[in-house]
C-alpha atoms as a PDB file:
ATOM      1  CA  MET A   1     -36.035 -61.085  16.963  1.00  0.00           C
ATOM      2  CA  THR A   2     -38.893 -58.806  16.085  1.00  0.00           C
ATOM      3  CA  LEU A   3     -40.252 -57.946  12.649  1.00  0.00           C
ATOM      4  CA  ILE A   4     -40.948 -54.206  12.506  1.00  0.00           C
ATOM      5  CA  GLU A   5     -41.977 -51.713   9.864  1.00  0.00           C
ATOM      6  CA  CYS A   6     -40.129 -48.397   9.581  1.00  0.00           C
ATOM      7  CA  SER A   7     -41.155 -45.410   7.513  1.00  0.00           C
ATOM      8  CA  PRO A   8     -38.210 -43.041   7.029  1.00  0.00           C
ATOM      9  CA  TYR A   9     -38.816 -39.419   6.115  1.00  0.00           C
ATOM     10  CA  THR A  10     -35.714 -39.063   3.977  1.00  0.00           C
ATOM     11  CA  GLY A  11     -33.589 -41.314   1.845  1.00  0.00           C
ATOM     12  CA  ARG A  12     -30.421 -40.721   3.848  1.00  0.00           C
ATOM     13  CA  GLN A  13     -27.935 -43.558   3.534  1.00  0.00           C
ATOM     14  CA  HIS A  14     -28.150 -46.104   6.374  1.00  0.00           C
ATOM     15  CA  GLN A  15     -30.875 -44.058   8.127  1.00  0.00           C
ATOM     16  CA  ILE A  16     -32.866 -47.056   9.384  1.00  0.00           C
ATOM     17  CA  ARG A  17     -29.740 -49.037  10.297  1.00  0.00           C
ATOM     18  CA  VAL A  18     -28.273 -46.154  12.310  1.00  0.00           C
ATOM     19  CA  HIS A  19     -31.508 -45.347  14.151  1.00  0.00           C
ATOM     20  CA  MET A  20     -32.231 -48.971  15.037  1.00  0.00           C
ATOM     21  CA  PHE A  21     -28.667 -49.420  16.292  1.00  0.00           C
ATOM     22  CA  HIS A  22     -28.932 -46.318  18.488  1.00  0.00           C
ATOM     23  CA  VAL A  23     -32.134 -47.577  20.153  1.00  0.00           C
ATOM     24  CA  LYS A  24     -30.317 -50.861  20.942  1.00  0.00           C
ATOM     25  CA  HIS A  25     -32.132 -52.909  18.272  1.00  0.00           C
ATOM     26  CA  PRO A  26     -29.634 -53.476  15.435  1.00  0.00           C
ATOM     27  CA  ILE A  27     -30.958 -55.136  12.314  1.00  0.00           C
ATOM     28  CA  VAL A  28     -30.290 -58.861  12.121  1.00  0.00           C
ATOM     29  CA  GLY A  29     -27.499 -59.630   9.682  1.00  0.00           C
ATOM     30  CA  ASP A  30     -25.997 -56.134   9.818  1.00  0.00           C
ATOM     31  CA  PRO A  31     -22.240 -56.576   9.427  1.00  0.00           C
ATOM     32  CA  ILE A  32     -21.479 -52.932  10.299  1.00  0.00           C
ATOM     33  CA  TYR A  33     -23.747 -51.391  12.954  1.00  0.00           C
ATOM     34  CA  GLY A  34     -23.525 -53.208  16.272  1.00  0.00           C
ATOM     35  CA  GLN A  35     -20.305 -55.055  15.465  1.00  0.00           C
ATOM     36  CA  ARG A  36     -16.807 -54.712  16.889  1.00  0.00           C
ATOM     37  CA  GLU A  37     -14.434 -52.567  14.818  1.00  0.00           C
ATOM     38  CA  GLU A  38     -12.125 -55.480  13.989  1.00  0.00           C
ATOM     39  CA  ASP A  39     -15.073 -57.543  12.691  1.00  0.00           C
ATOM     40  CA  ILE A  40     -16.312 -54.611  10.595  1.00  0.00           C
ATOM     41  CA  ILE A  41     -12.865 -54.317   9.020  1.00  0.00           C
ATOM     42  CA  ARG A  42     -12.764 -58.072   8.363  1.00  0.00           C
ATOM     43  CA  PHE A  43     -16.195 -57.835   6.671  1.00  0.00           C
ATOM     44  CA  LEU A  44     -15.206 -54.835   4.528  1.00  0.00           C
ATOM     45  CA  ASP A  45     -11.956 -56.538   3.532  1.00  0.00           C
ATOM     46  CA  LYS A  46     -13.968 -59.681   2.595  1.00  0.00           C
ATOM     47  CA  GLU A  47     -12.100 -61.715   5.223  1.00  0.00           C
ATOM     48  CA  LEU A  48     -15.220 -62.712   7.194  1.00  0.00           C
ATOM     49  CA  ASP A  49     -16.618 -66.055   6.069  1.00  0.00           C
ATOM     50  CA  ALA A  50     -20.385 -66.735   5.919  1.00  0.00           C
ATOM     51  CA  LYS A  51     -20.432 -68.908   9.041  1.00  0.00           C
ATOM     52  CA  LYS A  52     -18.676 -66.249  11.135  1.00  0.00           C
ATOM     53  CA  ARG A  53     -21.002 -63.536   9.790  1.00  0.00           C
ATOM     54  CA  ILE A  54     -24.014 -65.599  10.875  1.00  0.00           C
ATOM     55  CA  GLU A  55     -22.419 -66.139  14.272  1.00  0.00           C
ATOM     56  CA  LEU A  56     -21.732 -62.412  14.777  1.00  0.00           C
ATOM     57  CA  SER A  57     -24.839 -60.825  13.240  1.00  0.00           C
ATOM     58  CA  GLY A  58     -27.514 -63.531  13.275  1.00  0.00           C
ATOM     59  CA  ALA A  59     -27.913 -64.003   9.512  1.00  0.00           C
ATOM     60  CA  SER A  60     -25.945 -64.440   6.312  1.00  0.00           C
ATOM     61  CA  ARG A  61     -27.451 -61.238   4.892  1.00  0.00           C
ATOM     62  CA  LEU A  62     -28.857 -57.944   6.092  1.00  0.00           C
ATOM     63  CA  LEU A  63     -32.520 -58.535   6.940  1.00  0.00           C
ATOM     64  CA  LEU A  64     -33.669 -55.138   5.724  1.00  0.00           C
ATOM     65  CA  HIS A  65     -36.157 -54.889   2.874  1.00  0.00           C
ATOM     66  CA  ALA A  66     -37.855 -51.996   1.115  1.00  0.00           C
ATOM     67  CA  ASN A  67     -41.460 -53.135   0.871  1.00  0.00           C
ATOM     68  CA  GLU A  68     -42.630 -49.927  -0.803  1.00  0.00           C
ATOM     69  CA  LEU A  69     -40.915 -46.934  -2.346  1.00  0.00           C
ATOM     70  CA  GLU A  70     -42.474 -43.670  -3.398  1.00  0.00           C
ATOM     71  CA  PHE A  71     -40.639 -40.805  -4.996  1.00  0.00           C
ATOM     72  CA  GLU A  72     -41.110 -37.943  -7.416  1.00  0.00           C
ATOM     73  CA  LEU A  73     -39.026 -37.801 -10.580  1.00  0.00           C
ATOM     74  CA  TYR A  74     -39.474 -35.404 -13.487  1.00  0.00           C
ATOM     75  CA  ASP A  75     -42.772 -34.118 -12.068  1.00  0.00           C
ATOM     76  CA  SER A  76     -44.201 -37.647 -11.846  1.00  0.00           C
ATOM     77  CA  LEU A  77     -44.953 -39.554  -8.663  1.00  0.00           C
ATOM     78  CA  HIS A  78     -43.687 -43.141  -8.732  1.00  0.00           C
ATOM     79  CA  HIS A  79     -44.912 -45.822  -6.326  1.00  0.00           C
ATOM     80  CA  ILE A  80     -43.283 -49.261  -6.303  1.00  0.00           C
ATOM     81  CA  LYS A  81     -44.491 -52.164  -4.140  1.00  0.00           C
ATOM     82  CA  SER A  82     -42.465 -55.332  -3.630  1.00  0.00           C
ATOM     83  CA  THR A  83     -43.905 -58.760  -4.307  1.00  0.00           C
ATOM     84  CA  VAL A  84     -41.271 -60.481  -2.143  1.00  0.00           C
ATOM     85  CA  ASP A  85     -42.524 -62.344   0.948  1.00  0.00           C
ATOM     86  CA  PHE A  86     -39.935 -60.831   3.275  1.00  0.00           C
ATOM     87  CA  GLU A  87     -41.512 -62.318   6.399  1.00  0.00           C
ATOM     88  CA  GLN A  88     -40.902 -65.788   4.937  1.00  0.00           C
ATOM     89  CA  ILE A  89     -37.298 -64.878   4.092  1.00  0.00           C
ATOM     90  CA  CYS A  90     -36.792 -63.782   7.714  1.00  0.00           C
ATOM     91  CA  LYS A  91     -38.275 -67.018   9.049  1.00  0.00           C
ATOM     92  CA  GLU A  92     -36.002 -69.062   6.777  1.00  0.00           C
ATOM     93  CA  SER A  93     -32.995 -67.033   7.894  1.00  0.00           C
ATOM     94  CA  MET A  94     -33.851 -67.584  11.560  1.00  0.00           C
ATOM     95  CA  THR A  95     -34.194 -71.318  10.938  1.00  0.00           C
ATOM     96  CA  ALA A  96     -30.826 -71.397   9.145  1.00  0.00           C
ATOM     97  CA  HIS A  97     -29.285 -69.449  12.046  1.00  0.00           C
ATOM     98  CA  SER A  98     -30.596 -71.858  14.680  1.00  0.00           C
ATOM     99  CA  GLN A  99     -29.187 -74.800  12.711  1.00  0.00           C
ATOM    100  CA  CYS A 100     -25.714 -73.222  12.883  1.00  0.00           C
ATOM    101  CA  GLU A 101     -25.732 -73.211  16.693  1.00  0.00           C
END
């Protein structure tokens, strides 16, 4: 696994997930991109338990985090920066994943 930083140009839905999947580097924990169709359907129908999701995708959650957001609204520029230690969350998720094996 590799921790990377992406800076999308638009806010298109799933933009980072789709692009990372297409360059053969799906995001850890992604239950949609990079999975078999039958597993995607099981996830969407809430029939995929947490252990199986970890087994298939590498984590119990999507390891994608918006560290900073900047947007204009009503002629004002808004800049929001996260205080979450996402690198630590990733490390904990990798440790939890290795304990499941």
